[in-house]
Amino acid sequence: MKVTPHVAQNNHSHSSAIDERITRHPGYQISQRKRKRVEEIFGWLNTVGPLRKTKFKGLRRGSWMFTFANAVYNLLRIKNILSLSA
């Protein structure tokens, strides 16, 4: 199918499921940078944002809180981006 997996290589053990045939392609490097960006968002939501332990029950309220926390994250990103350009 000519698709590069979106997984990270385990460099700390002796056997990794991802070998050099996959990691040598430029698409793998791009994929890893995009993955890091997405993981940063979820890391922020768990450490700074209120999503480590949800305070609401149910899918409707939980998804509302997830959307609200992501909106706060985006507002903070916009603030930081604007302060860098000023």
C-alpha atoms as a PDB file:
ATOM      1  CA  MET A   1       0.000   0.000   0.000  1.00  0.00           C
ATOM      2  CA  LYS A   2       3.086   2.260   0.202  1.00  0.00           C
ATOM      3  CA  VAL A   3       2.071   3.765   3.548  1.00  0.00           C
ATOM      4  CA  THR A   4       4.609   4.656   6.242  1.00  0.00           C
ATOM      5  CA  PRO A   5       3.417   3.734   9.748  1.00  0.00           C
ATOM      6  CA  HIS A   6       2.810   6.575  12.176  1.00  0.00           C
ATOM      7  CA  VAL A   7       4.718   5.016  15.058  1.00  0.00           C
ATOM      8  CA  ALA A   8       7.928   5.899  16.837  1.00  0.00           C
ATOM      9  CA  GLN A   9      11.032   3.758  16.729  1.00  0.00           C
ATOM     10  CA  ASN A  10      12.095   2.257  20.054  1.00  0.00           C
ATOM     11  CA  ASN A  11      15.780   3.151  20.243  1.00  0.00           C
ATOM     12  CA  HIS A  12      16.210   2.104  23.868  1.00  0.00           C
ATOM     13  CA  SER A  13      15.838  -1.662  23.545  1.00  0.00           C
ATOM     14  CA  HIS A  14      17.556  -4.242  21.402  1.00  0.00           C
ATOM     15  CA  SER A  15      14.596  -5.041  19.182  1.00  0.00           C
ATOM     16  CA  SER A  16      12.374  -2.422  17.625  1.00  0.00           C
ATOM     17  CA  ALA A  17       9.396  -3.192  15.421  1.00  0.00           C
ATOM     18  CA  ILE A  18      10.391  -0.236  13.220  1.00  0.00           C
ATOM     19  CA  ASP A  19      13.630  -0.729  11.317  1.00  0.00           C
ATOM     20  CA  GLU A  20      15.725   1.379   8.964  1.00  0.00           C
ATOM     21  CA  ARG A  21      13.596   0.536   5.932  1.00  0.00           C
ATOM     22  CA  ILE A  22      10.829   2.705   7.358  1.00  0.00           C
ATOM     23  CA  THR A  23      12.774   5.408   9.183  1.00  0.00           C
ATOM     24  CA  ARG A  24      14.916   6.386   6.174  1.00  0.00           C
ATOM     25  CA  HIS A  25      12.002   7.903   4.243  1.00  0.00           C
ATOM     26  CA  PRO A  26      11.330  11.649   4.455  1.00  0.00           C
ATOM     27  CA  GLY A  27       7.635  10.995   5.140  1.00  0.00           C
ATOM     28  CA  TYR A  28       8.561   9.235   8.383  1.00  0.00           C
ATOM     29  CA  GLN A  29      10.454  12.297   9.615  1.00  0.00           C
ATOM     30  CA  ILE A  30       7.510  14.562   8.758  1.00  0.00           C
ATOM     31  CA  SER A  31       5.148  12.156  10.500  1.00  0.00           C
ATOM     32  CA  GLN A  32       7.229  12.231  13.673  1.00  0.00           C
ATOM     33  CA  ARG A  33       7.239  16.044  13.772  1.00  0.00           C
ATOM     34  CA  LYS A  34       3.450  16.132  13.329  1.00  0.00           C
ATOM     35  CA  ARG A  35       3.046  13.467  15.997  1.00  0.00           C
ATOM     36  CA  LYS A  36       5.103  15.504  18.477  1.00  0.00           C
ATOM     37  CA  ARG A  37       2.864  18.527  17.883  1.00  0.00           C
ATOM     38  CA  VAL A  38      -0.294  16.528  18.571  1.00  0.00           C
ATOM     39  CA  GLU A  39       1.196  14.892  21.674  1.00  0.00           C
ATOM     40  CA  GLU A  40       2.093  18.338  23.055  1.00  0.00           C
ATOM     41  CA  ILE A  41      -1.581  19.312  22.975  1.00  0.00           C
ATOM     42  CA  PHE A  42      -2.718  16.213  24.858  1.00  0.00           C
ATOM     43  CA  GLY A  43       0.134  16.650  27.323  1.00  0.00           C
ATOM     44  CA  TRP A  44      -0.996  20.207  28.027  1.00  0.00           C
ATOM     45  CA  LEU A  45      -4.603  19.090  28.425  1.00  0.00           C
ATOM     46  CA  ASN A  46      -3.543  16.528  31.041  1.00  0.00           C
ATOM     47  CA  THR A  47      -1.059  18.628  33.015  1.00  0.00           C
ATOM     48  CA  VAL A  48      -2.332  22.213  32.808  1.00  0.00           C
ATOM     49  CA  GLY A  49      -5.826  21.695  31.451  1.00  0.00           C
ATOM     50  CA  PRO A  50      -8.592  20.000  33.425  1.00  0.00           C
ATOM     51  CA  LEU A  51      -8.580  16.665  31.612  1.00  0.00           C
ATOM     52  CA  ARG A  52      -6.421  14.498  33.860  1.00  0.00           C
ATOM     53  CA  LYS A  53      -9.519  13.520  35.777  1.00  0.00           C
ATOM     54  CA  THR A  54     -12.810  14.668  34.336  1.00  0.00           C
ATOM     55  CA  LYS A  55     -15.316  16.211  36.683  1.00  0.00           C
ATOM     56  CA  PHE A  56     -18.296  15.387  34.505  1.00  0.00           C
ATOM     57  CA  LYS A  57     -20.114  12.169  33.722  1.00  0.00           C
ATOM     58  CA  GLY A  58     -21.530  11.376  30.349  1.00  0.00           C
ATOM     59  CA  LEU A  59     -20.410  11.847  26.799  1.00  0.00           C
ATOM     60  CA  ARG A  60     -22.167  15.169  26.264  1.00  0.00           C
ATOM     61  CA  ARG A  61     -20.613  16.935  29.247  1.00  0.00           C
ATOM     62  CA  GLY A  62     -17.246  15.259  28.779  1.00  0.00           C
ATOM     63  CA  SER A  63     -17.052  16.286  25.144  1.00  0.00           C
ATOM     64  CA  TRP A  64     -18.067  19.827  26.117  1.00  0.00           C
ATOM     65  CA  MET A  65     -15.185  19.988  28.587  1.00  0.00           C
ATOM     66  CA  PHE A  66     -12.770  18.613  25.972  1.00  0.00           C
ATOM     67  CA  THR A  67     -13.896  21.241  23.459  1.00  0.00           C
ATOM     68  CA  PHE A  68     -13.649  24.007  26.062  1.00  0.00           C
ATOM     69  CA  ALA A  69     -10.134  22.959  27.120  1.00  0.00           C
ATOM     70  CA  ASN A  70      -8.996  22.851  23.485  1.00  0.00           C
ATOM     71  CA  ALA A  71     -10.426  26.328  22.930  1.00  0.00           C
ATOM     72  CA  VAL A  72      -8.426  27.615  25.911  1.00  0.00           C
ATOM     73  CA  TYR A  73      -5.297  25.952  24.533  1.00  0.00           C
ATOM     74  CA  ASN A  74      -5.851  27.591  21.134  1.00  0.00           C
ATOM     75  CA  LEU A  75      -6.407  31.007  22.721  1.00  0.00           C
ATOM     76  CA  LEU A  76      -3.135  30.664  24.621  1.00  0.00           C
ATOM     77  CA  ARG A  77      -1.348  29.654  21.419  1.00  0.00           C
ATOM     78  CA  ILE A  78      -2.760  32.688  19.604  1.00  0.00           C
ATOM     79  CA  LYS A  79      -1.627  34.944  22.445  1.00  0.00           C
ATOM     80  CA  ASN A  80       1.868  33.481  22.361  1.00  0.00           C
ATOM     81  CA  ILE A  81       2.126  33.697  18.579  1.00  0.00           C
ATOM     82  CA  LEU A  82       0.994  37.335  18.582  1.00  0.00           C
ATOM     83  CA  SER A  83       3.442  38.247  21.334  1.00  0.00           C
ATOM     84  CA  LEU A  84       6.300  36.741  19.314  1.00  0.00           C
ATOM     85  CA  SER A  85       5.425  38.724  16.206  1.00  0.00           C
ATOM     86  CA  ALA A  86       5.007  42.049  18.022  1.00  0.00           C
END
